[in-house]
Amino acid sequence: MARPDRRQRASLDVPKGVRGGGATLQSRDRFGRFTENIARWMGTPWFIVGLTIFVVAWMLFNTLAPESLRFDSALIGFTALTLILSLQASYAAPLILLAQNRQDDRDRVGMEQDRQRAERTQQDTEYLAREIVALRLSIEELVSRDVLRAELKELLLELERQREDDDADARADARAEVEAEREAEREAERGAGHDDGRTP
């Protein structure tokens, strides 16, 4: 059985619409980063200052330079400069839109992650609240120290009473035994006395 090609195996973990386009994804990402860098650079004061210097130098050169060196006429409104600025604006707008789209995608992913994090935090908070309620209920069912001491004192008193009762019962039993022995001795003495009276 032939082993599948490494490129085919690697493409199985890529979504169906993007298979075979790993290099395309990297080039898109590279182009996206490039457009963001351009859009950021166009949003700096240095770009505006540089563009202003370029336009002023263009207009001064084509106004003050000798006629043979001029390449854009001020009489027809600096047509070449207008075309260059229009071309720059026509490229700047899509680059800025591409950068905004990438930023929107990043914001959307960040918002989704924040939403998931908030859901996890809410679930954790609800779990902790349930655990705290369960702990409170179990603490209410526990015996406090004072109640436990009072119950132990009652048990000790009851044990002492029981011991006293047992001692009293034991003493009463001992007395009864002593009395029974004495009674038996008396009966024996009486029996011996009757026997002595009968003998001549």
N, C-alpha and C. Protein backbone atom coordinates (compact mmCIF):
# COMPACT_ATOMS: atom_id res chain seq x y z
N MET A 1 0.85 -1.19 0.00
CA MET A 1 0.00 0.00 0.00
C MET A 1 0.89 1.23 0.00
N ALA A 2 0.61 2.13 -0.91
CA ALA A 2 1.46 3.32 -1.07
C ALA A 2 1.17 4.30 0.05
N ARG A 3 2.22 4.89 0.58
CA ARG A 3 2.05 5.88 1.65
C ARG A 3 1.65 7.20 1.03
N PRO A 4 0.75 7.93 1.68
CA PRO A 4 0.36 9.23 1.11
C PRO A 4 1.51 10.21 1.15
N ASP A 5 1.48 11.10 0.18
CA ASP A 5 2.52 12.11 0.09
C ASP A 5 2.46 13.03 1.31
N ARG A 6 3.63 13.51 1.75
CA ARG A 6 3.68 14.37 2.94
C ARG A 6 2.88 15.65 2.71
N ARG A 7 2.90 16.17 1.49
CA ARG A 7 2.13 17.38 1.22
C ARG A 7 0.64 17.13 1.34
N GLN A 8 0.18 15.93 0.92
CA GLN A 8 -1.23 15.59 1.03
C GLN A 8 -1.61 15.43 2.50
N ARG A 9 -0.74 14.79 3.30
CA ARG A 9 -1.05 14.62 4.72
C ARG A 9 -1.09 15.96 5.43
N ALA A 10 -0.21 16.86 5.08
CA ALA A 10 -0.17 18.17 5.74
C ALA A 10 -1.40 19.00 5.39
N SER A 11 -1.97 18.76 4.19
CA SER A 11 -3.12 19.58 3.80
C SER A 11 -4.41 19.11 4.42
N LEU A 12 -4.41 17.95 5.10
CA LEU A 12 -5.65 17.46 5.71
C LEU A 12 -6.06 18.27 6.92
N ASP A 13 -5.12 18.94 7.59
CA ASP A 13 -5.48 19.72 8.77
C ASP A 13 -5.82 21.16 8.43
N VAL A 14 -5.89 21.48 7.14
CA VAL A 14 -6.26 22.82 6.69
C VAL A 14 -7.70 22.78 6.24
N PRO A 15 -8.52 23.82 6.52
CA PRO A 15 -9.90 23.81 6.05
C PRO A 15 -10.00 23.62 4.55
N LYS A 16 -11.15 23.09 4.10
CA LYS A 16 -11.32 22.64 2.72
C LYS A 16 -11.12 23.77 1.71
N GLY A 17 -11.66 24.96 2.02
CA GLY A 17 -11.55 26.06 1.06
C GLY A 17 -10.17 26.65 0.96
N VAL A 18 -9.28 26.29 1.90
CA VAL A 18 -7.96 26.90 1.93
C VAL A 18 -6.87 25.89 1.61
N ARG A 19 -7.24 24.62 1.33
CA ARG A 19 -6.23 23.58 1.10
C ARG A 19 -5.34 23.93 -0.08
N GLY A 20 -4.09 23.60 0.08
CA GLY A 20 -3.14 23.87 -0.99
C GLY A 20 -2.75 25.33 -1.06
N GLY A 21 -3.23 26.13 -0.09
CA GLY A 21 -2.95 27.56 -0.14
C GLY A 21 -2.22 28.06 1.06
N GLY A 22 -1.36 27.23 1.65
CA GLY A 22 -0.60 27.68 2.81
C GLY A 22 0.29 28.85 2.48
N ALA A 23 0.95 28.78 1.32
CA ALA A 23 1.79 29.90 0.88
C ALA A 23 0.92 31.11 0.57
N THR A 24 -0.30 30.86 0.05
CA THR A 24 -1.20 31.98 -0.25
C THR A 24 -1.61 32.69 1.03
N LEU A 25 -1.88 31.91 2.08
CA LEU A 25 -2.25 32.52 3.37
C LEU A 25 -1.10 33.35 3.92
N GLN A 26 0.13 32.82 3.80
CA GLN A 26 1.28 33.59 4.29
C GLN A 26 1.49 34.85 3.48
N SER A 27 1.30 34.75 2.15
CA SER A 27 1.48 35.95 1.33
C SER A 27 0.37 36.96 1.62
N ARG A 28 -0.87 36.46 1.88
CA ARG A 28 -1.95 37.39 2.24
C ARG A 28 -1.64 38.09 3.55
N ASP A 29 -1.14 37.33 4.50
CA ASP A 29 -0.81 37.93 5.79
C ASP A 29 0.32 38.93 5.65
N ARG A 30 1.31 38.59 4.82
CA ARG A 30 2.42 39.51 4.59
C ARG A 30 1.92 40.79 3.92
N PHE A 31 1.03 40.63 2.91
CA PHE A 31 0.47 41.80 2.23
C PHE A 31 -0.39 42.62 3.19
N GLY A 32 -1.15 41.92 4.07
CA GLY A 32 -1.97 42.63 5.04
C GLY A 32 -1.11 43.46 5.99
N ARG A 33 0.01 42.86 6.46
CA ARG A 33 0.90 43.62 7.34
C ARG A 33 1.50 44.81 6.59
N PHE A 34 1.82 44.61 5.30
CA PHE A 34 2.37 45.71 4.50
C PHE A 34 1.37 46.84 4.38
N THR A 35 0.09 46.49 4.10
CA THR A 35 -0.93 47.54 3.98
C THR A 35 -1.14 48.26 5.31
N GLU A 36 -1.08 47.52 6.40
CA GLU A 36 -1.23 48.19 7.70
C GLU A 36 -0.07 49.15 7.97
N ASN A 37 1.14 48.73 7.61
CA ASN A 37 2.28 49.62 7.80
C ASN A 37 2.15 50.88 6.96
N ILE A 38 1.69 50.72 5.70
CA ILE A 38 1.50 51.89 4.83
C ILE A 38 0.43 52.80 5.40
N ALA A 39 -0.71 52.19 5.86
CA ALA A 39 -1.81 53.00 6.40
C ALA A 39 -1.35 53.73 7.66
N ARG A 40 -0.55 53.05 8.50
CA ARG A 40 -0.05 53.72 9.71
C ARG A 40 0.88 54.88 9.33
N TRP A 41 1.73 54.63 8.31
CA TRP A 41 2.67 55.67 7.90
C TRP A 41 1.92 56.85 7.31
N MET A 42 0.82 56.58 6.57
CA MET A 42 0.04 57.68 5.99
C MET A 42 -0.70 58.46 7.07
N GLY A 43 -0.91 57.86 8.22
CA GLY A 43 -1.61 58.56 9.29
C GLY A 43 -0.69 59.34 10.21
N THR A 44 0.61 59.40 9.87
CA THR A 44 1.54 60.14 10.72
C THR A 44 1.70 61.58 10.23
N PRO A 45 2.10 62.47 11.12
CA PRO A 45 2.35 63.86 10.69
C PRO A 45 3.50 63.97 9.69
N TRP A 46 4.45 63.02 9.75
CA TRP A 46 5.60 63.08 8.83
C TRP A 46 5.15 62.88 7.39
N PHE A 47 4.15 62.04 7.16
CA PHE A 47 3.65 61.85 5.80
C PHE A 47 3.04 63.14 5.27
N ILE A 48 2.25 63.83 6.11
CA ILE A 48 1.62 65.08 5.67
C ILE A 48 2.68 66.15 5.41
N VAL A 49 3.67 66.21 6.31
CA VAL A 49 4.75 67.20 6.11
C VAL A 49 5.52 66.88 4.83
N GLY A 50 5.86 65.60 4.63
CA GLY A 50 6.60 65.21 3.42
C GLY A 50 5.80 65.47 2.16
N LEU A 51 4.49 65.15 2.18
CA LEU A 51 3.65 65.40 1.00
C LEU A 51 3.53 66.90 0.72
N THR A 52 3.42 67.68 1.79
CA THR A 52 3.34 69.15 1.62
C THR A 52 4.63 69.69 1.02
N ILE A 53 5.78 69.21 1.52
CA ILE A 53 7.07 69.67 0.97
C ILE A 53 7.19 69.27 -0.49
N PHE A 54 6.75 68.03 -0.81
CA PHE A 54 6.82 67.56 -2.19
C PHE A 54 5.96 68.43 -3.11
N VAL A 55 4.73 68.73 -2.69
CA VAL A 55 3.83 69.54 -3.53
C VAL A 55 4.37 70.96 -3.68
N VAL A 56 4.85 71.55 -2.59
CA VAL A 56 5.37 72.92 -2.66
C VAL A 56 6.62 72.96 -3.54
N ALA A 57 7.51 71.96 -3.39
CA ALA A 57 8.72 71.94 -4.24
C ALA A 57 8.34 71.76 -5.70
N TRP A 58 7.36 70.88 -5.98
CA TRP A 58 6.90 70.67 -7.36
C TRP A 58 6.39 71.98 -7.95
N MET A 59 5.53 72.67 -7.20
CA MET A 59 4.93 73.90 -7.72
C MET A 59 5.97 75.01 -7.88
N LEU A 60 6.89 75.14 -6.91
CA LEU A 60 7.91 76.18 -7.02
C LEU A 60 8.85 75.91 -8.20
N PHE A 61 9.26 74.63 -8.34
CA PHE A 61 10.16 74.31 -9.44
C PHE A 61 9.50 74.58 -10.79
N ASN A 62 8.24 74.18 -10.95
CA ASN A 62 7.56 74.36 -12.23
C ASN A 62 7.05 75.78 -12.44
N THR A 63 7.20 76.63 -11.42
CA THR A 63 6.83 78.04 -11.59
C THR A 63 8.07 78.91 -11.77
N LEU A 64 9.13 78.66 -11.01
CA LEU A 64 10.29 79.53 -10.98
C LEU A 64 11.45 79.04 -11.85
N ALA A 65 11.46 77.77 -12.19
CA ALA A 65 12.58 77.24 -12.98
C ALA A 65 12.51 77.77 -14.41
N PRO A 66 13.65 77.72 -15.14
CA PRO A 66 13.63 78.14 -16.56
C PRO A 66 12.63 77.30 -17.35
N GLU A 67 12.10 77.89 -18.37
CA GLU A 67 11.03 77.26 -19.16
C GLU A 67 11.46 75.91 -19.73
N SER A 68 12.72 75.77 -20.08
CA SER A 68 13.18 74.51 -20.68
C SER A 68 13.27 73.37 -19.66
N LEU A 69 13.38 73.68 -18.35
CA LEU A 69 13.48 72.65 -17.33
C LEU A 69 12.13 72.27 -16.71
N ARG A 70 11.11 73.05 -16.96
CA ARG A 70 9.80 72.76 -16.37
C ARG A 70 9.18 71.55 -17.05
N PHE A 71 8.54 70.69 -16.28
CA PHE A 71 7.86 69.51 -16.85
C PHE A 71 6.37 69.50 -16.56
N ASP A 72 5.87 70.51 -15.82
CA ASP A 72 4.43 70.62 -15.56
C ASP A 72 4.10 72.10 -15.60
N SER A 73 3.09 72.44 -16.34
CA SER A 73 2.78 73.84 -16.56
C SER A 73 1.81 74.36 -15.51
N ALA A 74 2.11 75.54 -15.00
CA ALA A 74 1.21 76.18 -14.04
C ALA A 74 0.00 76.75 -14.75
N LEU A 75 0.12 76.99 -16.07
CA LEU A 75 -1.00 77.59 -16.82
C LEU A 75 -2.18 76.63 -16.93
N ILE A 76 -1.89 75.35 -16.99
CA ILE A 76 -2.99 74.38 -17.10
C ILE A 76 -3.27 73.70 -15.75
N GLY A 77 -2.79 74.28 -14.67
CA GLY A 77 -3.15 73.83 -13.32
C GLY A 77 -2.37 72.64 -12.80
N PHE A 78 -1.09 72.52 -13.21
CA PHE A 78 -0.24 71.43 -12.72
C PHE A 78 -0.95 70.07 -12.91
N THR A 79 -1.18 69.76 -14.18
CA THR A 79 -1.92 68.53 -14.50
C THR A 79 -1.20 67.28 -14.02
N ALA A 80 0.11 67.20 -14.19
CA ALA A 80 0.87 66.02 -13.79
C ALA A 80 0.81 65.84 -12.26
N LEU A 81 0.92 66.96 -11.52
CA LEU A 81 0.83 66.88 -10.06
C LEU A 81 -0.54 66.40 -9.63
N THR A 82 -1.57 66.92 -10.31
CA THR A 82 -2.93 66.48 -9.98
C THR A 82 -3.10 64.99 -10.24
N LEU A 83 -2.55 64.50 -11.35
CA LEU A 83 -2.63 63.06 -11.65
C LEU A 83 -1.88 62.23 -10.62
N ILE A 84 -0.70 62.70 -10.23
CA ILE A 84 0.09 61.96 -9.24
C ILE A 84 -0.65 61.90 -7.90
N LEU A 85 -1.22 63.07 -7.49
CA LEU A 85 -1.95 63.08 -6.22
C LEU A 85 -3.21 62.22 -6.28
N SER A 86 -3.89 62.22 -7.46
CA SER A 86 -5.08 61.38 -7.62
C SER A 86 -4.69 59.90 -7.57
N LEU A 87 -3.57 59.55 -8.21
CA LEU A 87 -3.11 58.16 -8.17
C LEU A 87 -2.76 57.75 -6.74
N GLN A 88 -2.08 58.66 -6.04
CA GLN A 88 -1.74 58.35 -4.64
C GLN A 88 -3.00 58.18 -3.81
N ALA A 89 -4.01 59.04 -4.02
CA ALA A 89 -5.25 58.93 -3.25
C ALA A 89 -6.02 57.66 -3.62
N SER A 90 -5.98 57.29 -4.92
CA SER A 90 -6.71 56.09 -5.34
C SER A 90 -6.08 54.82 -4.77
N TYR A 91 -4.77 54.83 -4.51
CA TYR A 91 -4.14 53.69 -3.87
C TYR A 91 -4.25 53.76 -2.34
N ALA A 92 -4.26 54.98 -1.81
CA ALA A 92 -4.30 55.13 -0.35
C ALA A 92 -5.63 54.65 0.23
N ALA A 93 -6.74 54.94 -0.48
CA ALA A 93 -8.05 54.57 0.06
C ALA A 93 -8.21 53.05 0.21
N PRO A 94 -7.89 52.23 -0.82
CA PRO A 94 -8.01 50.79 -0.61
C PRO A 94 -7.04 50.23 0.44
N LEU A 95 -5.82 50.81 0.48
CA LEU A 95 -4.87 50.35 1.49
C LEU A 95 -5.41 50.61 2.90
N ILE A 96 -6.00 51.78 3.09
CA ILE A 96 -6.57 52.11 4.40
C ILE A 96 -7.75 51.20 4.70
N LEU A 97 -8.58 50.91 3.69
CA LEU A 97 -9.72 50.01 3.90
C LEU A 97 -9.26 48.60 4.25
N LEU A 98 -8.20 48.12 3.56
CA LEU A 98 -7.67 46.80 3.88
C LEU A 98 -7.15 46.76 5.32
N ALA A 99 -6.44 47.82 5.72
CA ALA A 99 -5.94 47.87 7.09
C ALA A 99 -7.09 47.92 8.09
N GLN A 100 -8.15 48.66 7.75
CA GLN A 100 -9.31 48.72 8.65
C GLN A 100 -10.00 47.36 8.73
N ASN A 101 -10.09 46.65 7.60
CA ASN A 101 -10.70 45.32 7.62
C ASN A 101 -9.91 44.36 8.51
N ARG A 102 -8.57 44.41 8.40
CA ARG A 102 -7.76 43.56 9.27
C ARG A 102 -7.94 43.93 10.73
N GLN A 103 -8.03 45.23 11.00
CA GLN A 103 -8.24 45.66 12.38
C GLN A 103 -9.62 45.22 12.88
N ASP A 104 -10.63 45.31 11.98
CA ASP A 104 -11.97 44.84 12.37
C ASP A 104 -11.97 43.35 12.68
N ASP A 105 -11.24 42.57 11.86
CA ASP A 105 -11.15 41.13 12.13
C ASP A 105 -10.48 40.87 13.48
N ARG A 106 -9.41 41.61 13.76
CA ARG A 106 -8.74 41.45 15.04
C ARG A 106 -9.65 41.86 16.19
N ASP A 107 -10.38 42.95 15.99
CA ASP A 107 -11.32 43.39 17.04
C ASP A 107 -12.42 42.36 17.26
N ARG A 108 -12.89 41.76 16.16
CA ARG A 108 -13.94 40.75 16.28
C ARG A 108 -13.43 39.53 17.05
N VAL A 109 -12.21 39.11 16.73
CA VAL A 109 -11.62 37.97 17.46
C VAL A 109 -11.42 38.33 18.93
N GLY A 110 -10.92 39.54 19.17
CA GLY A 110 -10.72 39.99 20.55
C GLY A 110 -12.04 40.06 21.32
N MET A 111 -13.11 40.56 20.64
CA MET A 111 -14.42 40.63 21.31
C MET A 111 -14.95 39.23 21.60
N GLU A 112 -14.73 38.29 20.68
CA GLU A 112 -15.18 36.92 20.91
C GLU A 112 -14.42 36.30 22.09
N GLN A 113 -13.12 36.55 22.13
CA GLN A 113 -12.34 36.04 23.26
C GLN A 113 -12.78 36.68 24.57
N ASP A 114 -13.05 37.99 24.53
CA ASP A 114 -13.54 38.67 25.74
C ASP A 114 -14.89 38.11 26.17
N ARG A 115 -15.76 37.81 25.19
CA ARG A 115 -17.08 37.25 25.52
C ARG A 115 -16.93 35.88 26.15
N GLN A 116 -16.05 35.04 25.56
CA GLN A 116 -15.84 33.71 26.13
C GLN A 116 -15.24 33.81 27.53
N ARG A 117 -14.29 34.76 27.70
CA ARG A 117 -13.69 34.94 29.02
C ARG A 117 -14.73 35.41 30.03
N ALA A 118 -15.62 36.32 29.59
CA ALA A 118 -16.67 36.80 30.49
C ALA A 118 -17.63 35.67 30.85
N GLU A 119 -17.95 34.80 29.88
CA GLU A 119 -18.83 33.67 30.17
C GLU A 119 -18.17 32.73 31.18
N ARG A 120 -16.86 32.44 30.98
CA ARG A 120 -16.16 31.58 31.93
C ARG A 120 -16.11 32.21 33.32
N THR A 121 -15.87 33.53 33.35
CA THR A 121 -15.83 34.21 34.64
C THR A 121 -17.19 34.15 35.33
N GLN A 122 -18.26 34.35 34.53
CA GLN A 122 -19.60 34.28 35.11
C GLN A 122 -19.90 32.87 35.63
N GLN A 123 -19.52 31.85 34.87
CA GLN A 123 -19.74 30.48 35.33
C GLN A 123 -18.95 30.20 36.60
N ASP A 124 -17.69 30.67 36.63
CA ASP A 124 -16.88 30.47 37.84
C ASP A 124 -17.50 31.20 39.04
N THR A 125 -18.01 32.42 38.79
CA THR A 125 -18.62 33.18 39.87
C THR A 125 -19.87 32.48 40.39
N GLU A 126 -20.70 31.97 39.47
CA GLU A 126 -21.90 31.25 39.89
C GLU A 126 -21.53 29.98 40.67
N TYR A 127 -20.50 29.28 40.22
CA TYR A 127 -20.06 28.07 40.93
C TYR A 127 -19.59 28.42 42.33
N LEU A 128 -18.78 29.49 42.44
CA LEU A 128 -18.29 29.90 43.75
C LEU A 128 -19.44 30.34 44.66
N ALA A 129 -20.44 31.03 44.08
CA ALA A 129 -21.59 31.44 44.89
C ALA A 129 -22.35 30.23 45.41
N ARG A 130 -22.53 29.21 44.55
CA ARG A 130 -23.20 27.99 45.00
C ARG A 130 -22.40 27.30 46.10
N GLU A 131 -21.06 27.27 45.94
CA GLU A 131 -20.23 26.63 46.96
C GLU A 131 -20.31 27.39 48.29
N ILE A 132 -20.34 28.73 48.22
CA ILE A 132 -20.43 29.52 49.45
C ILE A 132 -21.76 29.26 50.16
N VAL A 133 -22.85 29.18 49.37
CA VAL A 133 -24.16 28.88 49.97
C VAL A 133 -24.14 27.50 50.62
N ALA A 134 -23.55 26.51 49.94
CA ALA A 134 -23.47 25.16 50.50
C ALA A 134 -22.65 25.16 51.79
N LEU A 135 -21.55 25.93 51.81
CA LEU A 135 -20.74 26.02 53.03
C LEU A 135 -21.51 26.66 54.17
N ARG A 136 -22.27 27.73 53.85
CA ARG A 136 -23.06 28.37 54.89
C ARG A 136 -24.09 27.41 55.47
N LEU A 137 -24.76 26.67 54.58
CA LEU A 137 -25.75 25.71 55.06
C LEU A 137 -25.10 24.63 55.92
N SER A 138 -23.94 24.14 55.49
CA SER A 138 -23.28 23.10 56.29
C SER A 138 -22.76 23.66 57.61
N ILE A 139 -22.34 24.92 57.63
CA ILE A 139 -21.88 25.53 58.87
C ILE A 139 -23.05 25.71 59.84
N GLU A 140 -24.23 26.06 59.29
CA GLU A 140 -25.40 26.20 60.16
C GLU A 140 -25.78 24.86 60.79
N GLU A 141 -25.55 23.77 60.08
CA GLU A 141 -25.87 22.46 60.63
C GLU A 141 -24.84 21.97 61.63
N LEU A 142 -23.65 22.56 61.63
CA LEU A 142 -22.62 22.14 62.58
C LEU A 142 -22.95 22.61 63.99
N VAL A 143 -22.46 21.85 64.98
CA VAL A 143 -22.69 22.20 66.38
C VAL A 143 -21.67 23.24 66.79
N SER A 144 -22.17 24.28 67.48
CA SER A 144 -21.22 25.30 67.95
C SER A 144 -20.48 24.79 69.18
N ARG A 145 -19.43 25.48 69.57
CA ARG A 145 -18.60 25.08 70.70
C ARG A 145 -19.39 25.13 72.01
N ASP A 146 -20.19 26.18 72.19
CA ASP A 146 -20.95 26.31 73.44
C ASP A 146 -21.98 25.20 73.57
N VAL A 147 -22.66 24.90 72.45
CA VAL A 147 -23.67 23.83 72.49
C VAL A 147 -22.99 22.51 72.80
N LEU A 148 -21.83 22.27 72.21
CA LEU A 148 -21.12 21.02 72.45
C LEU A 148 -20.67 20.92 73.92
N ARG A 149 -20.18 22.03 74.49
CA ARG A 149 -19.79 22.02 75.90
C ARG A 149 -20.98 21.73 76.80
N ALA A 150 -22.12 22.39 76.50
CA ALA A 150 -23.30 22.17 77.34
C ALA A 150 -23.75 20.70 77.27
N GLU A 151 -23.73 20.14 76.06
CA GLU A 151 -24.15 18.74 75.92
C GLU A 151 -23.18 17.81 76.64
N LEU A 152 -21.87 18.10 76.56
CA LEU A 152 -20.89 17.27 77.27
C LEU A 152 -21.07 17.37 78.79
N LYS A 153 -21.38 18.59 79.28
CA LYS A 153 -21.64 18.74 80.71
C LYS A 153 -22.86 17.93 81.13
N GLU A 154 -23.90 17.99 80.31
CA GLU A 154 -25.10 17.21 80.63
C GLU A 154 -24.78 15.71 80.64
N LEU A 155 -23.98 15.27 79.67
CA LEU A 155 -23.60 13.85 79.65
C LEU A 155 -22.79 13.47 80.88
N LEU A 156 -21.86 14.34 81.30
CA LEU A 156 -21.07 14.06 82.50
C LEU A 156 -21.95 13.98 83.75
N LEU A 157 -22.89 14.93 83.85
CA LEU A 157 -23.80 14.91 84.99
C LEU A 157 -24.64 13.63 85.00
N GLU A 158 -25.10 13.26 83.80
CA GLU A 158 -25.91 12.04 83.72
C GLU A 158 -25.08 10.81 84.08
N LEU A 159 -23.80 10.78 83.62
CA LEU A 159 -22.93 9.66 83.97
C LEU A 159 -22.67 9.61 85.48
N GLU A 160 -22.45 10.81 86.08
CA GLU A 160 -22.24 10.84 87.53
C GLU A 160 -23.48 10.34 88.27
N ARG A 161 -24.67 10.80 87.83
CA ARG A 161 -25.91 10.32 88.46
C ARG A 161 -26.04 8.81 88.32
N GLN A 162 -25.74 8.34 87.13
CA GLN A 162 -25.85 6.89 86.89
C GLN A 162 -24.86 6.12 87.77
N ARG A 163 -23.64 6.69 87.90
CA ARG A 163 -22.65 6.04 88.75
C ARG A 163 -23.11 6.04 90.21
N GLU A 164 -23.67 7.17 90.65
CA GLU A 164 -24.19 7.23 92.03
C GLU A 164 -25.32 6.23 92.23
N ASP A 165 -26.21 6.17 91.23
CA ASP A 165 -27.30 5.19 91.33
C ASP A 165 -26.75 3.77 91.38
N ASP A 166 -25.73 3.51 90.53
CA ASP A 166 -25.13 2.17 90.53
C ASP A 166 -24.47 1.88 91.87
N ASP A 167 -23.77 2.91 92.41
CA ASP A 167 -23.14 2.71 93.73
C ASP A 167 -24.18 2.46 94.81
N ALA A 168 -25.28 3.24 94.75
CA ALA A 168 -26.34 3.04 95.75
C ALA A 168 -26.95 1.66 95.61
N ASP A 169 -27.17 1.23 94.35
CA ASP A 169 -27.70 -0.12 94.14
C ASP A 169 -26.73 -1.18 94.65
N ALA A 170 -25.42 -0.94 94.39
CA ALA A 170 -24.42 -1.91 94.84
C ALA A 170 -24.39 -1.96 96.37
N ARG A 171 -24.47 -0.77 97.02
CA ARG A 171 -24.50 -0.76 98.49
C ARG A 171 -25.75 -1.44 99.03
N ALA A 172 -26.87 -1.18 98.38
CA ALA A 172 -28.12 -1.82 98.82
C ALA A 172 -28.02 -3.33 98.65
N ASP A 173 -27.43 -3.76 97.53
CA ASP A 173 -27.26 -5.21 97.31
C ASP A 173 -26.33 -5.80 98.37
N ALA A 174 -25.25 -5.07 98.68
CA ALA A 174 -24.30 -5.56 99.69
C ALA A 174 -24.99 -5.66 101.04
N ARG A 175 -25.79 -4.63 101.38
CA ARG A 175 -26.51 -4.67 102.65
C ARG A 175 -27.48 -5.85 102.68
N ALA A 176 -28.16 -6.02 101.56
CA ALA A 176 -29.13 -7.12 101.51
C ALA A 176 -28.42 -8.46 101.68
N GLU A 177 -27.23 -8.59 101.04
CA GLU A 177 -26.48 -9.83 101.19
C GLU A 177 -26.05 -10.04 102.64
N VAL A 178 -25.54 -8.91 103.26
CA VAL A 178 -25.11 -9.00 104.66
C VAL A 178 -26.29 -9.38 105.55
N GLU A 179 -27.42 -8.73 105.30
CA GLU A 179 -28.63 -9.04 106.09
C GLU A 179 -29.05 -10.49 105.88
N ALA A 180 -28.95 -10.95 104.62
CA ALA A 180 -29.33 -12.34 104.34
C ALA A 180 -28.40 -13.30 105.06
N GLU A 181 -27.08 -12.95 105.06
CA GLU A 181 -26.12 -13.82 105.76
C GLU A 181 -26.41 -13.84 107.26
N ARG A 182 -26.68 -12.65 107.82
CA ARG A 182 -26.99 -12.59 109.26
C ARG A 182 -28.26 -13.38 109.57
N GLU A 183 -29.23 -13.20 108.71
CA GLU A 183 -30.47 -13.94 108.91
C GLU A 183 -30.22 -15.44 108.83
N ALA A 184 -29.37 -15.82 107.91
CA ALA A 184 -29.05 -17.26 107.78
C ALA A 184 -28.33 -17.74 109.03
N GLU A 185 -27.39 -16.88 109.57
CA GLU A 185 -26.68 -17.26 110.77
C GLU A 185 -27.64 -17.39 111.95
N ARG A 186 -28.58 -16.46 112.08
CA ARG A 186 -29.56 -16.50 113.15
C ARG A 186 -30.41 -17.76 113.05
N GLU A 187 -30.80 -18.03 111.81
CA GLU A 187 -31.61 -19.23 111.61
C GLU A 187 -30.79 -20.48 111.98
N ALA A 188 -29.53 -20.42 111.63
CA ALA A 188 -28.68 -21.58 111.97
C ALA A 188 -28.52 -21.69 113.48
N GLU A 189 -28.33 -20.54 114.15
CA GLU A 189 -28.21 -20.56 115.60
C GLU A 189 -29.49 -21.04 116.25
N ARG A 190 -30.63 -20.58 115.75
CA ARG A 190 -31.90 -21.02 116.31
C ARG A 190 -32.08 -22.52 116.11
N GLY A 191 -31.71 -22.97 114.94
CA GLY A 191 -31.83 -24.40 114.67
C GLY A 191 -30.92 -25.21 115.58
N ALA A 192 -29.73 -24.67 115.85
CA ALA A 192 -28.79 -25.38 116.73
C ALA A 192 -29.30 -25.34 118.17
N GLY A 193 -29.94 -24.24 118.58
CA GLY A 193 -30.49 -24.12 119.93
C GLY A 193 -31.64 -25.08 120.14
N HIS A 194 -32.48 -25.25 119.16
CA HIS A 194 -33.59 -26.20 119.27
C HIS A 194 -33.05 -27.61 119.36
N ASP A 195 -32.02 -27.87 118.62
CA ASP A 195 -31.43 -29.23 118.68
C ASP A 195 -30.84 -29.48 120.06
N ASP A 196 -30.21 -28.43 120.67
CA ASP A 196 -29.61 -28.60 121.99
C ASP A 196 -30.70 -28.81 123.06
N GLY A 197 -31.82 -28.19 122.95
CA GLY A 197 -32.90 -28.35 123.92
C GLY A 197 -33.51 -29.71 123.87
N ARG A 198 -33.52 -30.35 122.75
CA ARG A 198 -34.12 -31.66 122.62
C ARG A 198 -33.21 -32.75 123.16
N THR A 199 -31.94 -32.52 123.06
CA THR A 199 -31.02 -33.60 123.53
C THR A 199 -31.00 -33.64 125.04
N PRO A 200 -30.99 -34.88 125.75
CA PRO A 200 -31.00 -35.02 127.23
C PRO A 200 -29.66 -34.63 127.83
